N, C-alpha and C. Protein backbone atom coordinates (compact mmCIF):
# COMPACT_ATOMS: atom_id res chain seq x y z
N MET A 1 -17.98 -2.16 -22.80
CA MET A 1 -18.78 -1.32 -21.88
C MET A 1 -17.91 -0.50 -20.97
N ASP A 2 -18.09 0.76 -20.81
CA ASP A 2 -17.34 1.51 -19.89
C ASP A 2 -18.25 1.74 -18.68
N ALA A 3 -17.87 1.24 -17.54
CA ALA A 3 -18.66 1.33 -16.32
C ALA A 3 -17.83 1.70 -15.13
N LYS A 4 -18.52 2.40 -14.14
CA LYS A 4 -17.86 2.68 -12.87
C LYS A 4 -18.87 2.35 -11.78
N ILE A 5 -18.39 1.95 -10.60
CA ILE A 5 -19.18 1.72 -9.41
C ILE A 5 -18.82 2.81 -8.42
N ALA A 6 -19.79 3.48 -7.81
CA ALA A 6 -19.64 4.47 -6.83
C ALA A 6 -20.45 4.10 -5.54
N PRO A 7 -19.83 3.72 -4.54
CA PRO A 7 -20.51 3.44 -3.23
C PRO A 7 -21.45 4.51 -2.82
N TRP A 8 -22.55 4.18 -2.14
CA TRP A 8 -23.44 5.16 -1.60
C TRP A 8 -23.64 4.83 -0.13
N LEU A 9 -23.14 5.78 0.75
CA LEU A 9 -23.19 5.43 2.18
C LEU A 9 -24.27 6.20 2.86
N SER A 10 -25.08 5.46 3.68
CA SER A 10 -26.07 6.07 4.54
C SER A 10 -25.49 6.43 5.90
N VAL A 11 -25.80 7.63 6.26
CA VAL A 11 -25.33 8.18 7.53
C VAL A 11 -26.32 8.97 8.18
N ALA A 12 -26.31 9.09 9.54
CA ALA A 12 -27.25 9.89 10.20
C ALA A 12 -27.01 11.35 10.04
N ASP A 13 -25.78 11.81 9.89
CA ASP A 13 -25.41 13.12 9.74
C ASP A 13 -24.53 13.38 8.58
N ALA A 14 -25.03 13.69 7.45
CA ALA A 14 -24.28 13.84 6.27
C ALA A 14 -23.35 14.92 6.31
N THR A 15 -23.78 16.05 6.97
CA THR A 15 -22.86 17.25 7.07
C THR A 15 -21.59 16.87 7.90
N GLY A 16 -21.79 16.22 9.00
CA GLY A 16 -20.65 15.73 9.85
C GLY A 16 -19.83 14.70 9.10
N ALA A 17 -20.43 13.82 8.38
CA ALA A 17 -19.75 12.76 7.79
C ALA A 17 -18.78 13.41 6.65
N ILE A 18 -19.31 14.39 5.86
CA ILE A 18 -18.40 14.97 4.92
C ILE A 18 -17.23 15.68 5.62
N ALA A 19 -17.48 16.37 6.71
CA ALA A 19 -16.36 16.97 7.50
C ALA A 19 -15.37 15.89 7.84
N PHE A 20 -15.82 14.70 8.34
CA PHE A 20 -14.88 13.71 8.76
C PHE A 20 -14.06 13.16 7.47
N TYR A 21 -14.78 12.86 6.37
CA TYR A 21 -14.11 12.36 5.20
C TYR A 21 -12.97 13.38 4.66
N GLN A 22 -13.31 14.60 4.70
CA GLN A 22 -12.34 15.65 4.32
C GLN A 22 -11.10 15.62 5.28
N ALA A 23 -11.36 15.65 6.53
CA ALA A 23 -10.26 15.63 7.51
C ALA A 23 -9.55 14.29 7.55
N ALA A 24 -10.22 13.23 7.44
CA ALA A 24 -9.50 11.90 7.49
C ALA A 24 -8.82 11.50 6.27
N PHE A 25 -9.42 11.72 5.15
CA PHE A 25 -8.95 11.17 3.87
C PHE A 25 -8.69 12.23 2.79
N GLY A 26 -8.86 13.46 3.15
CA GLY A 26 -8.69 14.53 2.11
C GLY A 26 -9.66 14.60 1.01
N ALA A 27 -10.89 14.09 1.32
CA ALA A 27 -12.07 14.05 0.40
C ALA A 27 -12.31 15.47 -0.13
N VAL A 28 -12.72 15.53 -1.43
CA VAL A 28 -13.17 16.78 -2.05
C VAL A 28 -14.62 16.65 -2.33
N GLU A 29 -15.39 17.57 -2.01
CA GLU A 29 -16.86 17.61 -2.31
C GLU A 29 -17.09 17.94 -3.75
N LEU A 30 -17.73 17.18 -4.50
CA LEU A 30 -18.07 17.51 -5.94
C LEU A 30 -19.44 18.08 -6.09
N GLU A 31 -20.39 17.61 -5.23
CA GLU A 31 -21.74 18.07 -5.45
C GLU A 31 -22.49 17.81 -4.13
N ARG A 32 -23.48 18.78 -3.79
CA ARG A 32 -24.21 18.64 -2.63
C ARG A 32 -25.61 19.09 -2.94
N MET A 33 -26.61 18.46 -2.12
CA MET A 33 -27.94 18.87 -2.15
C MET A 33 -28.41 19.00 -0.73
N GLU A 34 -28.93 20.09 -0.42
CA GLU A 34 -29.26 20.46 0.96
C GLU A 34 -30.78 20.56 1.18
N SER A 35 -31.38 20.13 2.31
CA SER A 35 -32.76 20.26 2.68
C SER A 35 -32.98 21.74 3.25
N ALA A 36 -31.96 22.20 3.92
CA ALA A 36 -31.98 23.49 4.52
C ALA A 36 -30.51 24.07 4.45
N PRO A 37 -30.31 25.31 4.47
CA PRO A 37 -28.97 25.80 4.42
C PRO A 37 -28.06 25.08 5.50
N GLY A 38 -26.97 24.48 5.09
CA GLY A 38 -26.11 23.78 5.96
C GLY A 38 -26.43 22.42 6.36
N THR A 39 -27.59 21.90 5.90
CA THR A 39 -28.01 20.63 6.22
C THR A 39 -27.98 19.68 4.83
N VAL A 40 -26.92 18.96 4.75
CA VAL A 40 -26.77 18.11 3.53
C VAL A 40 -27.60 16.82 3.62
N GLU A 41 -28.28 16.65 2.48
CA GLU A 41 -29.07 15.37 2.35
C GLU A 41 -28.27 14.44 1.53
N VAL A 42 -27.67 14.86 0.47
CA VAL A 42 -26.88 14.00 -0.36
C VAL A 42 -25.66 14.78 -0.96
N ALA A 43 -24.54 14.10 -0.96
CA ALA A 43 -23.32 14.74 -1.50
C ALA A 43 -22.45 13.60 -2.23
N GLN A 44 -21.85 14.12 -3.25
CA GLN A 44 -20.82 13.30 -3.97
C GLN A 44 -19.42 13.78 -3.55
N LEU A 45 -18.60 12.88 -3.16
CA LEU A 45 -17.31 13.23 -2.76
C LEU A 45 -16.36 12.32 -3.58
N THR A 46 -15.03 12.83 -3.52
CA THR A 46 -13.97 11.98 -4.22
C THR A 46 -12.75 12.02 -3.36
N ILE A 47 -12.10 10.87 -3.23
CA ILE A 47 -10.83 10.70 -2.56
C ILE A 47 -9.88 10.27 -3.67
N GLY A 48 -8.96 11.18 -4.02
CA GLY A 48 -7.97 10.83 -5.07
C GLY A 48 -8.55 10.31 -6.34
N GLY A 49 -9.63 10.87 -6.80
CA GLY A 49 -10.30 10.38 -8.05
C GLY A 49 -11.35 9.27 -7.87
N ALA A 50 -11.52 8.64 -6.69
CA ALA A 50 -12.45 7.58 -6.45
C ALA A 50 -13.70 8.23 -5.83
N ALA A 51 -14.74 8.24 -6.71
CA ALA A 51 -16.01 8.89 -6.18
C ALA A 51 -16.88 8.01 -5.37
N PHE A 52 -17.63 8.63 -4.50
CA PHE A 52 -18.64 7.93 -3.67
C PHE A 52 -19.69 9.04 -3.22
N TRP A 53 -20.73 8.46 -2.74
CA TRP A 53 -21.90 9.39 -2.32
C TRP A 53 -22.23 9.06 -0.80
N VAL A 54 -22.68 10.19 -0.17
CA VAL A 54 -23.14 10.13 1.20
C VAL A 54 -24.48 10.68 1.22
N GLN A 55 -25.43 9.99 2.03
CA GLN A 55 -26.83 10.46 2.09
C GLN A 55 -27.18 10.36 3.55
N ARG A 56 -27.93 11.43 3.96
CA ARG A 56 -28.50 11.45 5.33
C ARG A 56 -29.65 10.53 5.28
N ASP A 57 -29.59 9.44 6.08
CA ASP A 57 -30.70 8.40 6.12
C ASP A 57 -30.55 7.68 7.48
N THR A 58 -31.32 8.18 8.40
CA THR A 58 -31.17 7.70 9.76
C THR A 58 -31.74 6.24 9.87
N GLU A 59 -32.52 5.78 8.96
CA GLU A 59 -33.08 4.40 9.06
C GLU A 59 -32.08 3.30 8.65
N THR A 60 -31.13 3.64 7.76
CA THR A 60 -30.17 2.70 7.22
C THR A 60 -28.75 3.01 7.72
N ASP A 61 -28.57 4.02 8.45
CA ASP A 61 -27.26 4.36 9.02
C ASP A 61 -26.78 3.20 9.86
N PRO A 62 -25.50 2.76 9.81
CA PRO A 62 -24.98 1.66 10.66
C PRO A 62 -25.39 1.70 12.07
N HIS A 63 -25.53 2.89 12.69
CA HIS A 63 -25.95 3.03 14.11
C HIS A 63 -27.37 2.49 14.31
N ALA A 64 -28.25 2.74 13.30
CA ALA A 64 -29.58 2.26 13.29
C ALA A 64 -29.73 0.70 13.22
N LEU A 65 -28.66 0.18 12.60
CA LEU A 65 -28.61 -1.20 12.30
C LEU A 65 -27.80 -1.95 13.42
N HIS A 66 -27.71 -1.31 14.59
CA HIS A 66 -26.88 -1.83 15.78
C HIS A 66 -25.50 -2.01 15.42
N GLY A 67 -24.92 -1.10 14.75
CA GLY A 67 -23.46 -1.06 14.44
C GLY A 67 -23.01 -1.95 13.35
N ARG A 68 -23.96 -2.53 12.64
CA ARG A 68 -23.69 -3.46 11.56
C ARG A 68 -23.81 -2.70 10.21
N SER A 69 -22.81 -2.81 9.40
CA SER A 69 -22.86 -2.20 8.02
C SER A 69 -22.64 -3.27 7.05
N PRO A 70 -23.43 -3.43 6.00
CA PRO A 70 -23.13 -4.62 5.11
C PRO A 70 -22.19 -4.28 4.07
N VAL A 71 -21.57 -3.07 4.10
CA VAL A 71 -20.52 -2.65 3.19
C VAL A 71 -19.26 -2.26 3.89
N ARG A 72 -18.17 -2.73 3.30
CA ARG A 72 -16.87 -2.25 3.89
C ARG A 72 -16.13 -1.55 2.70
N MET A 73 -15.62 -0.35 2.91
CA MET A 73 -14.77 0.40 2.00
C MET A 73 -13.34 0.04 2.10
N ILE A 74 -12.73 -0.16 0.87
CA ILE A 74 -11.33 -0.42 0.83
C ILE A 74 -10.65 0.88 0.07
N LEU A 75 -9.83 1.53 0.89
CA LEU A 75 -9.18 2.78 0.39
C LEU A 75 -7.68 2.43 0.16
N THR A 76 -7.25 2.29 -1.10
CA THR A 76 -5.86 1.90 -1.52
C THR A 76 -5.03 3.25 -1.59
N VAL A 77 -4.09 3.39 -0.82
CA VAL A 77 -3.22 4.52 -0.78
C VAL A 77 -1.76 4.13 -0.79
N ALA A 78 -0.93 5.21 -1.14
CA ALA A 78 0.59 4.90 -1.14
C ALA A 78 1.13 4.78 0.26
N ASP A 79 0.63 5.44 1.28
CA ASP A 79 1.15 5.40 2.64
C ASP A 79 0.04 5.09 3.56
N PRO A 80 -0.42 3.82 3.78
CA PRO A 80 -1.56 3.48 4.67
C PRO A 80 -1.26 3.84 6.02
N ASP A 81 0.00 3.88 6.52
CA ASP A 81 0.28 4.19 7.94
C ASP A 81 -0.19 5.61 8.13
N ALA A 82 0.25 6.53 7.32
CA ALA A 82 -0.02 7.97 7.38
C ALA A 82 -1.50 8.29 7.31
N VAL A 83 -2.25 7.63 6.26
CA VAL A 83 -3.70 7.92 6.08
C VAL A 83 -4.44 7.37 7.20
N TYR A 84 -4.04 6.22 7.73
CA TYR A 84 -4.78 5.50 8.84
C TYR A 84 -4.56 6.48 10.10
N ALA A 85 -3.41 6.87 10.42
CA ALA A 85 -3.17 7.81 11.63
C ALA A 85 -3.98 9.04 11.37
N GLN A 86 -4.02 9.59 10.31
CA GLN A 86 -4.80 10.86 9.98
C GLN A 86 -6.26 10.64 10.27
N ALA A 87 -6.80 9.46 9.83
CA ALA A 87 -8.20 9.12 10.15
C ALA A 87 -8.51 8.99 11.59
N ILE A 88 -7.60 8.35 12.29
CA ILE A 88 -7.75 8.16 13.72
C ILE A 88 -7.75 9.57 14.39
N GLN A 89 -6.86 10.39 13.96
CA GLN A 89 -6.75 11.74 14.42
C GLN A 89 -8.07 12.60 14.19
N ALA A 90 -8.67 12.23 13.02
CA ALA A 90 -9.95 12.97 12.69
C ALA A 90 -11.14 12.41 13.33
N GLY A 91 -11.04 11.25 14.16
CA GLY A 91 -12.21 10.80 14.89
C GLY A 91 -12.67 9.34 14.60
N ALA A 92 -11.88 8.63 13.69
CA ALA A 92 -12.16 7.24 13.48
C ALA A 92 -11.78 6.38 14.68
N THR A 93 -12.35 5.14 14.72
CA THR A 93 -12.15 4.22 15.79
C THR A 93 -11.29 3.07 15.25
N GLU A 94 -10.32 2.72 15.79
CA GLU A 94 -9.52 1.53 15.44
C GLU A 94 -10.18 0.24 15.54
N ILE A 95 -10.27 -0.50 14.49
CA ILE A 95 -10.78 -1.86 14.51
C ILE A 95 -9.62 -2.88 14.45
N ALA A 96 -8.62 -2.61 13.57
CA ALA A 96 -7.44 -3.45 13.47
C ALA A 96 -6.29 -2.52 13.07
N PRO A 97 -5.11 -2.49 13.88
CA PRO A 97 -4.05 -1.69 13.48
C PRO A 97 -3.48 -2.04 12.13
N VAL A 98 -2.71 -1.10 11.52
CA VAL A 98 -2.03 -1.46 10.30
C VAL A 98 -0.96 -2.53 10.49
N TYR A 99 -1.05 -3.59 9.61
CA TYR A 99 -0.27 -4.77 9.70
C TYR A 99 -0.02 -5.32 8.29
N GLU A 100 0.86 -6.24 8.20
CA GLU A 100 1.15 -6.90 6.88
C GLU A 100 0.56 -8.29 6.88
N GLY A 101 -0.21 -8.63 5.89
CA GLY A 101 -0.78 -10.04 5.75
C GLY A 101 -1.47 -10.13 4.40
N HIS A 102 -1.43 -11.31 3.89
CA HIS A 102 -2.18 -11.73 2.64
C HIS A 102 -1.80 -10.71 1.53
N GLY A 103 -0.47 -10.40 1.60
CA GLY A 103 -0.05 -9.54 0.43
C GLY A 103 -0.36 -8.10 0.51
N TRP A 104 -0.77 -7.68 1.63
CA TRP A 104 -1.18 -6.19 1.81
C TRP A 104 -0.56 -5.65 3.17
N ARG A 105 -0.38 -4.34 3.14
CA ARG A 105 -0.16 -3.56 4.34
C ARG A 105 -1.46 -2.83 4.47
N VAL A 106 -2.17 -3.14 5.62
CA VAL A 106 -3.54 -2.70 5.71
C VAL A 106 -3.93 -2.59 7.20
N GLY A 107 -4.86 -1.66 7.49
CA GLY A 107 -5.51 -1.44 8.87
C GLY A 107 -6.95 -1.23 8.61
N ARG A 108 -7.74 -1.50 9.61
CA ARG A 108 -9.17 -1.35 9.50
C ARG A 108 -9.71 -0.42 10.55
N LEU A 109 -10.60 0.55 10.21
CA LEU A 109 -11.09 1.45 11.15
C LEU A 109 -12.63 1.66 10.90
N ALA A 110 -13.31 2.21 11.90
CA ALA A 110 -14.66 2.60 11.69
C ALA A 110 -14.73 4.15 11.72
N ASP A 111 -15.49 4.73 10.72
CA ASP A 111 -15.67 6.14 10.67
C ASP A 111 -16.68 6.52 11.72
N PRO A 112 -16.89 7.74 12.13
CA PRO A 112 -17.93 8.19 13.07
C PRO A 112 -19.34 7.71 12.80
N SER A 113 -19.64 7.53 11.44
CA SER A 113 -21.00 7.02 11.09
C SER A 113 -21.05 5.53 11.21
N GLY A 114 -20.10 4.81 11.55
CA GLY A 114 -20.15 3.43 11.76
C GLY A 114 -19.76 2.56 10.51
N HIS A 115 -19.31 3.16 9.37
CA HIS A 115 -18.87 2.36 8.25
C HIS A 115 -17.44 1.98 8.49
N HIS A 116 -17.10 0.75 8.07
CA HIS A 116 -15.72 0.24 8.20
C HIS A 116 -14.93 0.51 6.98
N TRP A 117 -13.76 0.95 7.18
CA TRP A 117 -12.78 1.31 6.06
C TRP A 117 -11.51 0.41 6.28
N GLU A 118 -10.97 -0.18 5.20
CA GLU A 118 -9.71 -0.77 5.21
C GLU A 118 -8.89 0.20 4.42
N VAL A 119 -7.75 0.63 5.06
CA VAL A 119 -6.82 1.56 4.44
C VAL A 119 -5.54 0.79 4.18
N GLY A 120 -5.13 0.56 2.98
CA GLY A 120 -3.92 -0.19 2.73
C GLY A 120 -3.36 -0.04 1.31
N LYS A 121 -2.35 -0.92 1.09
CA LYS A 121 -1.77 -0.98 -0.22
C LYS A 121 -1.22 -2.41 -0.37
N PRO A 122 -1.29 -2.89 -1.69
CA PRO A 122 -0.65 -4.22 -1.93
C PRO A 122 0.88 -4.08 -1.75
N LEU A 123 1.46 -5.17 -1.14
CA LEU A 123 2.90 -5.15 -0.79
C LEU A 123 3.69 -5.23 -2.16
N SER A 124 3.11 -5.76 -3.20
CA SER A 124 3.85 -5.87 -4.52
C SER A 124 3.95 -4.50 -5.24
N SER A 125 3.42 -3.47 -4.75
CA SER A 125 3.41 -2.21 -5.49
C SER A 125 4.50 -1.35 -4.99
């Protein structure tokens, strides 16, 4: 069986979330559906070939869930320090700085929509 899993993130402002993911992680928009010109309802993005979806949904956005998100994204990159710094510069909030532990160089941040991202790489690579 050939299968792929693509995360689907609920956000209050899909248009703003897309702009953040592009600035923070170099995301590329593959597809978008708008309810009105400039108001994104659903979009598919990719970061280095890893696809995910963003949907405007104020009821299940982490902010509506009192800052709790049941999903944490793990973004594996060649230079976690640079990508982490770029994300912070783009508006992410630091949860844990980049450090080495458990065989990884990794840091954790929250995007402006409230989703947590771990940005890192295995130390054995």
